Amino acid sequence: MTHWISRLAHRLADLYYPPTAYSDERDADARRMRSELDAIRMHFPDHA
């Protein structure tokens, strides 16, 4: 019984952790969002 649970857990983990090929795109998106948030904070310092 625990064997199928561990196989299921590994498959779910594969779904949760994306392959490394997508990490570059995500990092670029994260950098873009951070820079946009910084620009918003500069324009609206009272709401930062």
PDB file of N, CA and C in Angstrom:
ATOM      1  N   MET A   1       0.825  -1.199   0.000  1.00  0.00           N
ATOM      2  CA  MET A   1       0.000   0.000   0.000  1.00  0.00           C
ATOM      3  C   MET A   1       0.867   1.260   0.000  1.00  0.00           C
ATOM      4  N   THR A   2       1.938   1.242   0.754  1.00  0.00           N
ATOM      5  CA  THR A   2       2.773   2.444   0.793  1.00  0.00           C
ATOM      6  C   THR A   2       3.507   2.658  -0.522  1.00  0.00           C
ATOM      7  N   HIS A   3       3.664   1.581  -1.311  1.00  0.00           N
ATOM      8  CA  HIS A   3       4.378   1.718  -2.581  1.00  0.00           C
ATOM      9  C   HIS A   3       3.613   2.624  -3.547  1.00  0.00           C
ATOM     10  N   TRP A   4       2.307   2.432  -3.659  1.00  0.00           N
ATOM     11  CA  TRP A   4       1.549   3.275  -4.590  1.00  0.00           C
ATOM     12  C   TRP A   4       1.432   4.698  -4.068  1.00  0.00           C
ATOM     13  N   ILE A   5       1.453   4.856  -2.742  1.00  0.00           N
ATOM     14  CA  ILE A   5       1.404   6.206  -2.171  1.00  0.00           C
ATOM     15  C   ILE A   5       2.695   6.956  -2.501  1.00  0.00           C
ATOM     16  N   SER A   6       3.832   6.268  -2.398  1.00  0.00           N
ATOM     17  CA  SER A   6       5.093   6.948  -2.711  1.00  0.00           C
ATOM     18  C   SER A   6       5.183   7.276  -4.199  1.00  0.00           C
ATOM     19  N   ARG A   7       4.664   6.387  -5.067  1.00  0.00           N
ATOM     20  CA  ARG A   7       4.651   6.702  -6.501  1.00  0.00           C
ATOM     21  C   ARG A   7       3.769   7.905  -6.778  1.00  0.00           C
ATOM     22  N   LEU A   8       2.622   7.960  -6.119  1.00  0.00           N
ATOM     23  CA  LEU A   8       1.727   9.104  -6.281  1.00  0.00           C
ATOM     24  C   LEU A   8       2.404  10.381  -5.793  1.00  0.00           C
ATOM     25  N   ALA A   9       3.097  10.295  -4.673  1.00  0.00           N
ATOM     26  CA  ALA A   9       3.786  11.468  -4.133  1.00  0.00           C
ATOM     27  C   ALA A   9       4.862  11.960  -5.100  1.00  0.00           C
ATOM     28  N   HIS A  10       5.589  11.049  -5.709  1.00  0.00           N
ATOM     29  CA  HIS A  10       6.619  11.462  -6.675  1.00  0.00           C
ATOM     30  C   HIS A  10       5.995  12.130  -7.890  1.00  0.00           C
ATOM     31  N   ARG A  11       4.880  11.596  -8.361  1.00  0.00           N
ATOM     32  CA  ARG A  11       4.223  12.215  -9.517  1.00  0.00           C
ATOM     33  C   ARG A  11       3.678  13.590  -9.169  1.00  0.00           C
ATOM     34  N   LEU A  12       3.124  13.727  -7.979  1.00  0.00           N
ATOM     35  CA  LEU A  12       2.626  15.040  -7.563  1.00  0.00           C
ATOM     36  C   LEU A  12       3.774  16.023  -7.390  1.00  0.00           C
ATOM     37  N   ALA A  13       4.899  15.551  -6.902  1.00  0.00           N
ATOM     38  CA  ALA A  13       6.069  16.422  -6.757  1.00  0.00           C
ATOM     39  C   ALA A  13       6.561  16.882  -8.124  1.00  0.00           C
ATOM     40  N   ASP A  14       6.513  15.996  -9.121  1.00  0.00           N
ATOM     41  CA  ASP A  14       6.913  16.395 -10.474  1.00  0.00           C
ATOM     42  C   ASP A  14       6.006  17.478 -11.018  1.00  0.00           C
ATOM     43  N   LEU A  15       4.733  17.430 -10.668  1.00  0.00           N
ATOM     44  CA  LEU A  15       3.818  18.480 -11.106  1.00  0.00           C
ATOM     45  C   LEU A  15       4.097  19.788 -10.386  1.00  0.00           C
ATOM     46  N   TYR A  16       4.483  19.699  -9.114  1.00  0.00           N
ATOM     47  CA  TYR A  16       4.700  20.899  -8.310  1.00  0.00           C
ATOM     48  C   TYR A  16       5.977  21.616  -8.716  1.00  0.00           C
ATOM     49  N   TYR A  17       7.046  20.873  -8.956  1.00  0.00           N
ATOM     50  CA  TYR A  17       8.326  21.475  -9.324  1.00  0.00           C
ATOM     51  C   TYR A  17       8.454  21.477 -10.842  1.00  0.00           C
ATOM     52  N   PRO A  18       8.428  22.647 -11.478  1.00  0.00           N
ATOM     53  CA  PRO A  18       8.532  22.686 -12.941  1.00  0.00           C
ATOM     54  C   PRO A  18       9.934  22.300 -13.396  1.00  0.00           C
ATOM     55  N   PRO A  19      10.073  21.859 -14.631  1.00  0.00           N
ATOM     56  CA  PRO A  19      11.408  21.547 -15.143  1.00  0.00           C
ATOM     57  C   PRO A  19      12.288  22.791 -15.181  1.00  0.00           C
ATOM     58  N   THR A  20      13.578  22.586 -15.220  1.00  0.00           N
ATOM     59  CA  THR A  20      14.508  23.718 -15.160  1.00  0.00           C
ATOM     60  C   THR A  20      14.448  24.581 -16.410  1.00  0.00           C
ATOM     61  N   ALA A  21      13.899  24.085 -17.499  1.00  0.00           N
ATOM     62  CA  ALA A  21      13.823  24.882 -18.721  1.00  0.00           C
ATOM     63  C   ALA A  21      12.933  26.106 -18.525  1.00  0.00           C
ATOM     64  N   TYR A  22      11.933  26.002 -17.667  1.00  0.00           N
ATOM     65  CA  TYR A  22      11.024  27.115 -17.449  1.00  0.00           C
ATOM     66  C   TYR A  22      11.533  28.098 -16.396  1.00  0.00           C
ATOM     67  N   SER A  23      12.569  27.733 -15.679  1.00  0.00           N
ATOM     68  CA  SER A  23      13.033  28.593 -14.593  1.00  0.00           C
ATOM     69  C   SER A  23      13.575  29.919 -15.114  1.00  0.00           C
ATOM     70  N   ASP A  24      14.203  29.922 -16.285  1.00  0.00           N
ATOM     71  CA  ASP A  24      14.723  31.176 -16.843  1.00  0.00           C
ATOM     72  C   ASP A  24      13.594  32.139 -17.159  1.00  0.00           C
ATOM     73  N   GLU A  25      12.505  31.623 -17.740  1.00  0.00           N
ATOM     74  CA  GLU A  25      11.358  32.479 -18.047  1.00  0.00           C
ATOM     75  C   GLU A  25      10.749  33.025 -16.765  1.00  0.00           C
ATOM     76  N   ARG A  26      10.618  32.174 -15.768  1.00  0.00           N
ATOM     77  CA  ARG A  26      10.028  32.619 -14.508  1.00  0.00           C
ATOM     78  C   ARG A  26      10.903  33.653 -13.838  1.00  0.00           C
ATOM     79  N   ASP A  27      12.210  33.478 -13.890  1.00  0.00           N
ATOM     80  CA  ASP A  27      13.111  34.457 -13.290  1.00  0.00           C
ATOM     81  C   ASP A  27      12.998  35.795 -14.002  1.00  0.00           C
ATOM     82  N   ALA A  28      12.884  35.769 -15.320  1.00  0.00           N
ATOM     83  CA  ALA A  28      12.738  37.011 -16.077  1.00  0.00           C
ATOM     84  C   ALA A  28      11.420  37.689 -15.725  1.00  0.00           C
ATOM     85  N   ASP A  29      10.364  36.893 -15.581  1.00  0.00           N
ATOM     86  CA  ASP A  29       9.074  37.461 -15.189  1.00  0.00           C
ATOM     87  C   ASP A  29       9.140  38.044 -13.786  1.00  0.00           C
ATOM     88  N   ALA A  30       9.819  37.361 -12.889  1.00  0.00           N
ATOM     89  CA  ALA A  30       9.941  37.857 -11.518  1.00  0.00           C
ATOM     90  C   ALA A  30      10.720  39.163 -11.491  1.00  0.00           C
ATOM     91  N   ARG A  31      11.797  39.246 -12.275  1.00  0.00           N
ATOM     92  CA  ARG A  31      12.565  40.498 -12.337  1.00  0.00           C
ATOM     93  C   ARG A  31      11.716  41.627 -12.898  1.00  0.00           C
ATOM     94  N   ARG A  32      10.939  41.329 -13.936  1.00  0.00           N
ATOM     95  CA  ARG A  32      10.081  42.355 -14.541  1.00  0.00           C
ATOM     96  C   ARG A  32       9.040  42.830 -13.538  1.00  0.00           C
ATOM     97  N   MET A  33       8.418  41.903 -12.813  1.00  0.00           N
ATOM     98  CA  MET A  33       7.404  42.303 -11.828  1.00  0.00           C
ATOM     99  C   MET A  33       8.020  43.110 -10.696  1.00  0.00           C
ATOM    100  N   ARG A  34       9.228  42.719 -10.257  1.00  0.00           N
ATOM    101  CA  ARG A  34       9.894  43.483  -9.199  1.00  0.00           C
ATOM    102  C   ARG A  34      10.193  44.899  -9.651  1.00  0.00           C
ATOM    103  N   SER A  35      10.661  45.052 -10.893  1.00  0.00           N
ATOM    104  CA  SER A  35      10.980  46.399 -11.369  1.00  0.00           C
ATOM    105  C   SER A  35       9.714  47.230 -11.534  1.00  0.00           C
ATOM    106  N   GLU A  36       8.621  46.598 -11.973  1.00  0.00           N
ATOM    107  CA  GLU A  36       7.361  47.337 -12.086  1.00  0.00           C
ATOM    108  C   GLU A  36       6.837  47.746 -10.714  1.00  0.00           C
ATOM    109  N   LEU A  37       6.959  46.863  -9.734  1.00  0.00           N
ATOM    110  CA  LEU A  37       6.526  47.215  -8.378  1.00  0.00           C
ATOM    111  C   LEU A  37       7.381  48.333  -7.795  1.00  0.00           C
ATOM    112  N   ASP A  38       8.682  48.301  -8.073  1.00  0.00           N
ATOM    113  CA  ASP A  38       9.551  49.385  -7.604  1.00  0.00           C
ATOM    114  C   ASP A  38       9.150  50.714  -8.233  1.00  0.00           C
ATOM    115  N   ALA A  39       8.790  50.694  -9.522  1.00  0.00           N
ATOM    116  CA  ALA A  39       8.354  51.923 -10.188  1.00  0.00           C
ATOM    117  C   ALA A  39       7.052  52.433  -9.578  1.00  0.00           C
ATOM    118  N   ILE A  40       6.143  51.533  -9.257  1.00  0.00           N
ATOM    119  CA  ILE A  40       4.880  51.940  -8.624  1.00  0.00           C
ATOM    120  C   ILE A  40       5.156  52.535  -7.249  1.00  0.00           C
ATOM    121  N   ARG A  41       6.079  51.920  -6.501  1.00  0.00           N
ATOM    122  CA  ARG A  41       6.410  52.441  -5.166  1.00  0.00           C
ATOM    123  C   ARG A  41       7.015  53.837  -5.252  1.00  0.00           C
ATOM    124  N   MET A  42       7.785  54.098  -6.299  1.00  0.00           N
ATOM    125  CA  MET A  42       8.376  55.427  -6.458  1.00  0.00           C
ATOM    126  C   MET A  42       7.302  56.460  -6.766  1.00  0.00           C
ATOM    127  N   HIS A  43       6.308  56.090  -7.559  1.00  0.00           N
ATOM    128  CA  HIS A  43       5.246  57.030  -7.928  1.00  0.00           C
ATOM    129  C   HIS A  43       4.250  57.250  -6.798  1.00  0.00           C
ATOM    130  N   PHE A  44       4.062  56.226  -5.958  1.00  0.00           N
ATOM    131  CA  PHE A  44       3.098  56.318  -4.860  1.00  0.00           C
ATOM    132  C   PHE A  44       3.774  55.935  -3.548  1.00  0.00           C
ATOM    133  N   PRO A  45       4.649  56.787  -3.014  1.00  0.00           N
ATOM    134  CA  PRO A  45       5.395  56.418  -1.804  1.00  0.00           C
ATOM    135  C   PRO A  45       4.507  56.267  -0.571  1.00  0.00           C
ATOM    136  N   ASP A  46       3.350  56.910  -0.561  1.00  0.00           N
ATOM    137  CA  ASP A  46       2.470  56.792   0.604  1.00  0.00           C
ATOM    138  C   ASP A  46       1.843  55.408   0.715  1.00  0.00           C
ATOM    139  N   HIS A  47       1.800  54.677  -0.391  1.00  0.00           N
ATOM    140  CA  HIS A  47       1.153  53.367  -0.399  1.00  0.00           C
ATOM    141  C   HIS A  47       2.150  52.224  -0.417  1.00  0.00           C
ATOM    142  N   ALA A  48       3.421  52.520  -0.252  1.00  0.00           N
ATOM    143  CA  ALA A  48       4.442  51.471  -0.341  1.00  0.00           C
ATOM    144  C   ALA A  48       4.492  50.617   0.894  1.00  0.00           C
TER     145      ALA A  48
END
